[in-house]
C-alpha atoms as a PDB file:
ATOM      1  CA  MET A   1      -0.076  42.833   7.987  1.00  0.00           C
ATOM      2  CA  THR A   2       0.967  44.300   4.419  1.00  0.00           C
ATOM      3  CA  LEU A   3      -0.762  42.929   1.532  1.00  0.00           C
ATOM      4  CA  TYR A   4       2.591  41.606   0.314  1.00  0.00           C
ATOM      5  CA  SER A   5       2.974  39.779   3.513  1.00  0.00           C
ATOM      6  CA  ALA A   6      -0.507  38.272   3.045  1.00  0.00           C
ATOM      7  CA  PHE A   7       0.496  37.032  -0.309  1.00  0.00           C
ATOM      8  CA  LYS A   8       3.944  36.121   0.929  1.00  0.00           C
ATOM      9  CA  ALA A   9       1.820  33.466   3.341  1.00  0.00           C
ATOM     10  CA  LEU A  10      -0.565  32.288   0.752  1.00  0.00           C
ATOM     11  CA  GLY A  11       2.169  31.488  -1.467  1.00  0.00           C
ATOM     12  CA  LEU A  12       3.885  29.103   1.268  1.00  0.00           C
ATOM     13  CA  ALA A  13       0.225  27.637   2.019  1.00  0.00           C
ATOM     14  CA  ALA A  14      -0.087  26.535  -1.885  1.00  0.00           C
ATOM     15  CA  ALA A  15       3.479  25.361  -1.755  1.00  0.00           C
ATOM     16  CA  MET A  16       3.064  23.162   1.215  1.00  0.00           C
ATOM     17  CA  LEU A  17       0.326  21.638  -0.575  1.00  0.00           C
ATOM     18  CA  ALA A  18       2.873  20.895  -3.736  1.00  0.00           C
ATOM     19  CA  VAL A  19       5.889  19.831  -1.842  1.00  0.00           C
ATOM     20  CA  PRO A  20       5.238  15.822  -1.487  1.00  0.00           C
ATOM     21  CA  ALA A  21       5.393  14.049   1.512  1.00  0.00           C
ATOM     22  CA  SER A  22       8.730  12.074   2.945  1.00  0.00           C
ATOM     23  CA  ALA A  23       8.241   8.075   1.684  1.00  0.00           C
ATOM     24  CA  ALA A  24       6.514   6.003   3.531  1.00  0.00           C
ATOM     25  CA  THR A  25       7.115   1.748   4.612  1.00  0.00           C
ATOM     26  CA  ILE A  26       5.054  -0.684   6.034  1.00  0.00           C
ATOM     27  CA  ASP A  27       7.097  -3.252   7.121  1.00  0.00           C
ATOM     28  CA  THR A  28       6.966  -6.364   9.306  1.00  0.00           C
ATOM     29  CA  SER A  29       9.898  -8.365   8.532  1.00  0.00           C
ATOM     30  CA  GLY A  30      11.949  -9.618  10.811  1.00  0.00           C
ATOM     31  CA  ALA A  31      13.553 -12.586  12.503  1.00  0.00           C
ATOM     32  CA  TYR A  32      11.751 -16.327  12.286  1.00  0.00           C
ATOM     33  CA  VAL A  33       9.428 -16.774  14.995  1.00  0.00           C
ATOM     34  CA  ALA A  34       6.375 -18.823  13.304  1.00  0.00           C
ATOM     35  CA  LYS A  35       5.404 -19.811   9.863  1.00  0.00           C
ATOM     36  CA  ILE A  36       2.470 -20.161   8.082  1.00  0.00           C
ATOM     37  CA  ASP A  37       2.260 -23.245   5.456  1.00  0.00           C
ATOM     38  CA  SER A  38       1.918 -24.817   3.274  1.00  0.00           C
ATOM     39  CA  PHE A  39       1.723 -22.678   0.339  1.00  0.00           C
ATOM     40  CA  GLY A  40       1.952 -24.521  -3.375  1.00  0.00           C
ATOM     41  CA  ALA A  41      -0.064 -25.938  -6.016  1.00  0.00           C
ATOM     42  CA  ARG A  42      -0.515 -28.928  -3.888  1.00  0.00           C
ATOM     43  CA  SER A  43      -1.982 -27.315  -1.232  1.00  0.00           C
ATOM     44  CA  THR A  44      -2.983 -23.762  -0.931  1.00  0.00           C
ATOM     45  CA  PRO A  45      -2.161 -21.476  -4.184  1.00  0.00           C
ATOM     46  CA  VAL A  46      -2.523 -18.022  -2.927  1.00  0.00           C
ATOM     47  CA  TYR A  47      -0.812 -16.206   0.225  1.00  0.00           C
ATOM     48  CA  GLY A  48      -0.918 -12.575   0.518  1.00  0.00           C
ATOM     49  CA  GLN A  49      -1.156  -9.550   2.691  1.00  0.00           C
ATOM     50  CA  THR A  50      -4.170  -6.738   2.510  1.00  0.00           C
ATOM     51  CA  PHE A  51      -2.457  -3.407   3.119  1.00  0.00           C
ATOM     52  CA  THR A  52      -3.926   0.403   3.343  1.00  0.00           C
ATOM     53  CA  VAL A  53      -2.532   3.181   1.730  1.00  0.00           C
ATOM     54  CA  GLY A  54      -1.332   6.344   3.754  1.00  0.00           C
ATOM     55  CA  SER A  55      -0.967   9.673   1.754  1.00  0.00           C
ATOM     56  CA  ASP A  56       2.154   8.526   0.045  1.00  0.00           C
ATOM     57  CA  ASN A  57      -0.008   6.619  -2.432  1.00  0.00           C
ATOM     58  CA  ALA A  58       2.724   5.783  -5.126  1.00  0.00           C
ATOM     59  CA  LEU A  59       3.692   1.785  -4.643  1.00  0.00           C
ATOM     60  CA  ASN A  60       6.953   1.190  -5.635  1.00  0.00           C
ATOM     61  CA  SER A  61       7.741  -1.916  -4.593  1.00  0.00           C
ATOM     62  CA  PHE A  62       6.448  -4.919  -1.959  1.00  0.00           C
ATOM     63  CA  THR A  63       8.245  -7.622  -0.497  1.00  0.00           C
ATOM     64  CA  PHE A  64       7.370 -11.588   0.373  1.00  0.00           C
ATOM     65  CA  PHE A  65       9.504 -13.872   2.338  1.00  0.00           C
ATOM     66  CA  LEU A  66       9.779 -17.495   1.785  1.00  0.00           C
ATOM     67  CA  GLY A  67      10.861 -20.338   3.090  1.00  0.00           C
ATOM     68  CA  GLY A  68      10.714 -24.267   2.397  1.00  0.00           C
ATOM     69  CA  GLY A  69      10.581 -26.296  -0.445  1.00  0.00           C
ATOM     70  CA  ALA A  70      10.933 -24.328  -4.146  1.00  0.00           C
ATOM     71  CA  VAL A  71       8.027 -22.990  -5.873  1.00  0.00           C
ATOM     72  CA  ASN A  72       7.324 -20.825  -9.197  1.00  0.00           C
ATOM     73  CA  VAL A  73       5.325 -18.216  -8.410  1.00  0.00           C
ATOM     74  CA  ARG A  74       4.010 -14.842  -9.742  1.00  0.00           C
ATOM     75  CA  ALA A  75       2.499 -11.779  -7.743  1.00  0.00           C
ATOM     76  CA  TYR A  76      -0.068  -9.296  -8.329  1.00  0.00           C
ATOM     77  CA  VAL A  77      -1.987  -6.195  -6.911  1.00  0.00           C
ATOM     78  CA  TYR A  78      -5.345  -5.883  -6.821  1.00  0.00           C
ATOM     79  CA  ALA A  79      -8.272  -4.093  -4.786  1.00  0.00           C
ATOM     80  CA  TRP A  80      -9.568  -5.557  -1.411  1.00  0.00           C
ATOM     81  CA  ASN A  81     -12.902  -5.412  -0.904  1.00  0.00           C
ATOM     82  CA  GLY A  82     -13.016  -7.376   2.401  1.00  0.00           C
ATOM     83  CA  ASN A  83     -13.419 -10.230   1.131  1.00  0.00           C
ATOM     84  CA  ARG A  84     -11.613 -11.129  -2.348  1.00  0.00           C
ATOM     85  CA  ALA A  85      -9.439  -9.382  -4.831  1.00  0.00           C
ATOM     86  CA  VAL A  86     -11.812  -7.105  -7.258  1.00  0.00           C
ATOM     87  CA  GLY A  87     -11.224  -5.244 -10.275  1.00  0.00           C
ATOM     88  CA  GLY A  88      -8.213  -5.275 -12.477  1.00  0.00           C
ATOM     89  CA  ALA A  89      -4.622  -5.837 -11.346  1.00  0.00           C
ATOM     90  CA  TYR A  90      -2.832  -2.697 -10.822  1.00  0.00           C
ATOM     91  CA  TYR A  91       0.637  -4.720 -11.312  1.00  0.00           C
ATOM     92  CA  ALA A  92       1.027  -8.678 -12.523  1.00  0.00           C
ATOM     93  CA  SER A  93       4.633  -9.828 -12.401  1.00  0.00           C
ATOM     94  CA  ASP A  94       6.460 -12.311 -14.525  1.00  0.00           C
ATOM     95  CA  ALA A  95       7.137 -15.707 -13.105  1.00  0.00           C
ATOM     96  CA  ARG A  96      10.009 -15.915 -10.579  1.00  0.00           C
ATOM     97  CA  SER A  97      11.409 -18.916  -9.145  1.00  0.00           C
ATOM     98  CA  PHE A  98      12.027 -19.835  -5.447  1.00  0.00           C
ATOM     99  CA  GLY A  99      14.537 -22.083  -5.123  1.00  0.00           C
ATOM    100  CA  GLY A 100      13.878 -23.217  -1.578  1.00  0.00           C
ATOM    101  CA  THR A 101      15.474 -23.703   1.836  1.00  0.00           C
ATOM    102  CA  THR A 102      16.123 -25.743   5.010  1.00  0.00           C
ATOM    103  CA  GLY A 103      15.328 -25.383   8.662  1.00  0.00           C
ATOM    104  CA  THR A 104      13.929 -21.952   9.517  1.00  0.00           C
ATOM    105  CA  ALA A 105      15.670 -19.828   6.904  1.00  0.00           C
ATOM    106  CA  PHE A 106      13.829 -17.895   4.329  1.00  0.00           C
ATOM    107  CA  ASP A 107      14.600 -15.729   1.602  1.00  0.00           C
ATOM    108  CA  ALA A 108      13.191 -12.293   0.236  1.00  0.00           C
ATOM    109  CA  LEU A 109      11.099 -11.843  -2.944  1.00  0.00           C
ATOM    110  CA  ARG A 110      11.174  -8.377  -4.073  1.00  0.00           C
ATOM    111  CA  PHE A 111       8.618  -6.680  -6.845  1.00  0.00           C
ATOM    112  CA  ASP A 112       9.598  -3.303  -7.609  1.00  0.00           C
ATOM    113  CA  VAL A 113       6.634  -1.801  -9.798  1.00  0.00           C
ATOM    114  CA  GLY A 114       7.846   1.689 -10.734  1.00  0.00           C
ATOM    115  CA  ALA A 115       5.308   4.176  -9.261  1.00  0.00           C
ATOM    116  CA  ILE A 116       1.416   2.733  -9.249  1.00  0.00           C
ATOM    117  CA  ASP A 117      -0.579   5.720  -8.273  1.00  0.00           C
ATOM    118  CA  LEU A 118      -2.936   3.919  -5.434  1.00  0.00           C
ATOM    119  CA  VAL A 119      -5.842   5.894  -3.529  1.00  0.00           C
ATOM    120  CA  SER A 120      -4.677   7.473  -0.395  1.00  0.00           C
ATOM    121  CA  GLY A 121      -7.135   5.556   2.455  1.00  0.00           C
ATOM    122  CA  GLY A 122      -7.671   2.439  -0.049  1.00  0.00           C
ATOM    123  CA  ARG A 123      -7.241  -1.453   1.078  1.00  0.00           C
ATOM    124  CA  TYR A 124      -5.144  -3.656  -1.392  1.00  0.00           C
ATOM    125  CA  VAL A 125      -4.096  -6.900  -1.862  1.00  0.00           C
ATOM    126  CA  ALA A 126      -0.647  -7.994  -2.909  1.00  0.00           C
ATOM    127  CA  PHE A 127       0.060 -11.787  -2.949  1.00  0.00           C
ATOM    128  CA  LEU A 128       1.515 -14.510  -4.858  1.00  0.00           C
ATOM    129  CA  THR A 129       0.219 -17.508  -6.514  1.00  0.00           C
ATOM    130  CA  THR A 130       1.539 -20.695  -8.040  1.00  0.00           C
ATOM    131  CA  ALA A 131      -2.105 -20.730 -10.263  1.00  0.00           C
ATOM    132  CA  GLY A 132      -1.116 -21.519 -13.777  1.00  0.00           C
ATOM    133  CA  LEU A 133       2.353 -22.493 -13.358  1.00  0.00           C
ATOM    134  CA  THR A 134       4.330 -25.829 -13.660  1.00  0.00           C
ATOM    135  CA  GLN A 135       5.837 -26.794 -10.418  1.00  0.00           C
ATOM    136  CA  PRO A 136       9.213 -28.111  -9.725  1.00  0.00           C
ATOM    137  CA  SER A 137       8.770 -31.620  -7.291  1.00  0.00           C
ATOM    138  CA  GLY A 138       8.852 -31.613  -3.710  1.00  0.00           C
ATOM    139  CA  ALA A 139       7.038 -29.958  -0.633  1.00  0.00           C
ATOM    140  CA  GLY A 140       5.083 -26.811  -0.526  1.00  0.00           C
ATOM    141  CA  ALA A 141       6.799 -23.575   0.623  1.00  0.00           C
ATOM    142  CA  TRP A 142       5.880 -21.431   3.972  1.00  0.00           C
ATOM    143  CA  MET A 143       5.760 -17.387   4.657  1.00  0.00           C
ATOM    144  CA  PRO A 144       7.418 -16.092   7.829  1.00  0.00           C
ATOM    145  CA  THR A 145       4.636 -15.115  10.055  1.00  0.00           C
ATOM    146  CA  ALA A 146       5.167 -11.239  11.777  1.00  0.00           C
ATOM    147  CA  GLY A 147       5.809 -12.193  15.330  1.00  0.00           C
ATOM    148  CA  THR A 148       4.052 -15.045  17.108  1.00  0.00           C
ATOM    149  CA  PHE A 149       1.597 -16.966  15.201  1.00  0.00           C
ATOM    150  CA  GLY A 150      -1.704 -14.788  15.014  1.00  0.00           C
ATOM    151  CA  SER A 151      -0.304 -11.391  16.575  1.00  0.00           C
ATOM    152  CA  ASN A 152      -1.163  -8.679  14.317  1.00  0.00           C
ATOM    153  CA  PRO A 153       1.686  -5.774  14.277  1.00  0.00           C
ATOM    154  CA  TYR A 154       0.471  -4.062  11.266  1.00  0.00           C
ATOM    155  CA  GLY A 155      -3.145  -2.692  12.018  1.00  0.00           C
ATOM    156  CA  GLY A 156      -3.892  -1.816   7.855  1.00  0.00           C
ATOM    157  CA  GLY A 157      -4.283  -5.139   6.733  1.00  0.00           C
ATOM    158  CA  ASP A 158      -3.998  -9.159   6.985  1.00  0.00           C
ATOM    159  CA  PHE A 159      -2.623 -12.215   6.191  1.00  0.00           C
ATOM    160  CA  VAL A 160      -5.135 -13.932   3.433  1.00  0.00           C
ATOM    161  CA  TYR A 161      -5.157 -16.573   1.470  1.00  0.00           C
ATOM    162  CA  ALA A 162      -7.501 -18.450  -0.941  1.00  0.00           C
ATOM    163  CA  ASN A 163      -7.751 -22.227  -2.498  1.00  0.00           C
ATOM    164  CA  ALA A 164      -8.880 -21.359  -5.446  1.00  0.00           C
ATOM    165  CA  GLY A 165      -7.577 -24.352  -7.508  1.00  0.00           C
ATOM    166  CA  ASP A 166      -5.390 -23.814 -10.689  1.00  0.00           C
ATOM    167  CA  SER A 167      -6.634 -20.667 -12.565  1.00  0.00           C
ATOM    168  CA  ALA A 168      -5.567 -17.390 -11.853  1.00  0.00           C
ATOM    169  CA  ALA A 169      -8.791 -16.452 -13.465  1.00  0.00           C
ATOM    170  CA  SER A 170     -10.551 -18.283 -10.375  1.00  0.00           C
ATOM    171  CA  LEU A 171      -8.946 -15.713  -8.118  1.00  0.00           C
ATOM    172  CA  LEU A 172     -11.632 -12.733  -8.831  1.00  0.00           C
ATOM    173  CA  ALA A 173     -14.593 -15.297  -9.483  1.00  0.00           C
ATOM    174  CA  ARG A 174     -15.223 -15.949  -5.547  1.00  0.00           C
ATOM    175  CA  ASP A 175     -14.873 -14.501  -1.996  1.00  0.00           C
ATOM    176  CA  TRP A 176     -11.238 -15.754  -0.401  1.00  0.00           C
ATOM    177  CA  ASP A 177     -10.680 -18.478   2.646  1.00  0.00           C
ATOM    178  CA  ALA A 178     -11.954 -16.372   5.589  1.00  0.00           C
ATOM    179  CA  SER A 179      -9.934 -16.026   8.566  1.00  0.00           C
ATOM    180  CA  ALA A 180     -10.846 -12.977  10.306  1.00  0.00           C
ATOM    181  CA  GLY A 181      -7.803 -11.780  10.572  1.00  0.00           C
ATOM    182  CA  ALA A 182      -6.930 -14.764  12.721  1.00  0.00           C
ATOM    183  CA  LEU A 183      -3.877 -15.765  11.423  1.00  0.00           C
ATOM    184  CA  GLY A 184      -2.566 -12.275  12.079  1.00  0.00           C
ATOM    185  CA  ASP A 185       0.360 -10.871   9.391  1.00  0.00           C
ATOM    186  CA  VAL A 186       2.889 -12.362   7.576  1.00  0.00           C
ATOM    187  CA  GLN A 187       6.210 -10.776   7.043  1.00  0.00           C
ATOM    188  CA  PHE A 188       6.120  -8.317   4.304  1.00  0.00           C
ATOM    189  CA  ARG A 189       7.376  -5.114   3.071  1.00  0.00           C
ATOM    190  CA  ALA A 190       6.181  -2.055   0.847  1.00  0.00           C
ATOM    191  CA  GLU A 191       7.618   0.819  -0.034  1.00  0.00           C
ATOM    192  CA  PHE A 192       5.709   4.202  -1.202  1.00  0.00           C
ATOM    193  CA  SER A 193       6.742   7.567  -2.236  1.00  0.00           C
ATOM    194  CA  ALA A 194       4.247  10.545  -3.110  1.00  0.00           C
ATOM    195  CA  GLY A 195       1.821   9.914  -5.770  1.00  0.00           C
ATOM    196  CA  ALA A 196       0.949  12.200  -9.429  1.00  0.00           C
ATOM    197  CA  THR A 197      -2.608  11.811  -8.472  1.00  0.00           C
ATOM    198  CA  SER A 198      -4.427  11.424  -5.418  1.00  0.00           C
ATOM    199  CA  GLY A 199      -2.292  13.241  -2.948  1.00  0.00           C
ATOM    200  CA  VAL A 200      -4.297  14.066   0.291  1.00  0.00           C
ATOM    201  CA  PRO A 201      -2.901  17.874   1.793  1.00  0.00           C
ATOM    202  CA  GLU A 202      -2.453  17.094   5.669  1.00  0.00           C
ATOM    203  CA  PRO A 203      -5.206  19.156   7.759  1.00  0.00           C
ATOM    204  CA  ALA A 204      -2.562  21.924   8.976  1.00  0.00           C
ATOM    205  CA  ALA A 205      -1.976  22.907   5.549  1.00  0.00           C
ATOM    206  CA  TRP A 206      -5.136  23.075   4.102  1.00  0.00           C
ATOM    207  CA  ALA A 207      -5.937  25.537   6.800  1.00  0.00           C
ATOM    208  CA  LEU A 208      -2.808  27.657   6.570  1.00  0.00           C
ATOM    209  CA  LEU A 209      -4.285  27.920   2.765  1.00  0.00           C
ATOM    210  CA  ILE A 210      -7.724  28.709   3.732  1.00  0.00           C
ATOM    211  CA  GLY A 211      -6.794  30.942   6.197  1.00  0.00           C
ATOM    212  CA  GLY A 212      -4.264  32.515   3.595  1.00  0.00           C
ATOM    213  CA  PHE A 213      -7.133  33.135   1.429  1.00  0.00           C
ATOM    214  CA  GLY A 214      -9.140  34.850   4.145  1.00  0.00           C
ATOM    215  CA  LEU A 215      -6.923  36.941   5.192  1.00  0.00           C
ATOM    216  CA  THR A 216      -5.699  38.296   1.720  1.00  0.00           C
ATOM    217  CA  GLY A 217      -9.648  38.690   0.708  1.00  0.00           C
ATOM    218  CA  GLY A 218     -10.244  40.875   4.266  1.00  0.00           C
ATOM    219  CA  MET A 219      -7.306  42.945   2.853  1.00  0.00           C
ATOM    220  CA  LEU A 220      -8.427  43.722  -0.466  1.00  0.00           C
ATOM    221  CA  ARG A 221     -11.742  44.490   0.545  1.00  0.00           C
ATOM    222  CA  GLY A 222     -10.219  46.840   2.866  1.00  0.00           C
ATOM    223  CA  ARG A 223      -8.266  48.141   0.445  1.00  0.00           C
ATOM    224  CA  ARG A 224     -11.353  48.661  -2.027  1.00  0.00           C
ATOM    225  CA  ARG A 225     -13.214  50.633   0.994  1.00  0.00           C
ATOM    226  CA  GLY A 226     -10.414  52.808   1.605  1.00  0.00           C
ATOM    227  CA  ALA A 227     -10.250  53.813  -2.602  1.00  0.00           C
ATOM    228  CA  ARG A 228     -14.210  55.030  -2.267  1.00  0.00           C
ATOM    229  CA  VAL A 229     -13.272  57.300   1.069  1.00  0.00           C
ATOM    230  CA  GLU A 230     -10.523  58.492  -0.725  1.00  0.00           C
ATOM    231  CA  ALA A 231     -12.872  59.667  -4.052  1.00  0.00           C
ATOM    232  CA  LEU A 232     -15.440  61.155  -1.562  1.00  0.00           C
ATOM    233  CA  VAL A 233     -13.377  63.076   0.603  1.00  0.00           C
END
């Protein structure tokens, strides 16, 4: 291989590291099978889903699904330590109103968050809460499960909940109510793209880059040895 070809291969490896991966989606949504209830200020004011961030680490949007009685909610995204939401909020929505449904019908509540850089491999929680909001009269809402009750089609997280009272601050002051994953997943959707920071290169791209550096370095050393021999002849 010529030195030009070696540099060309090295450039290709660098380009592979620079090109963002295709967007990724977590999606457990589908038809109604079962539900978890009751969600709301008069029952359990916090329902959420934990999730694990992949190599596409910028969160663009997330969607929860609600059925049943009308509620007013806010949505949040926090880091998750295995027992509770921790740190500062990565996202906090304005108040949103869910008008309610009948029977087994449910509606989507989508939150477009821009492109929030999270950490690849990190665990986070997205959740809805009625805490601190005036509520309409009537029964609470519910979330449809992702498959049969207690099933776990998404291995990177679980449904979580908290009976934390009517204060948003109390969500960070105590561990959430433990279910140890026994309630499975709710229907949930999160969309990601390549982030501006914290991108993790694929192992194959790292191997190609390191190999390119080694090959180029070896050829440069060989050329220097050749130059010294010519000078001594």
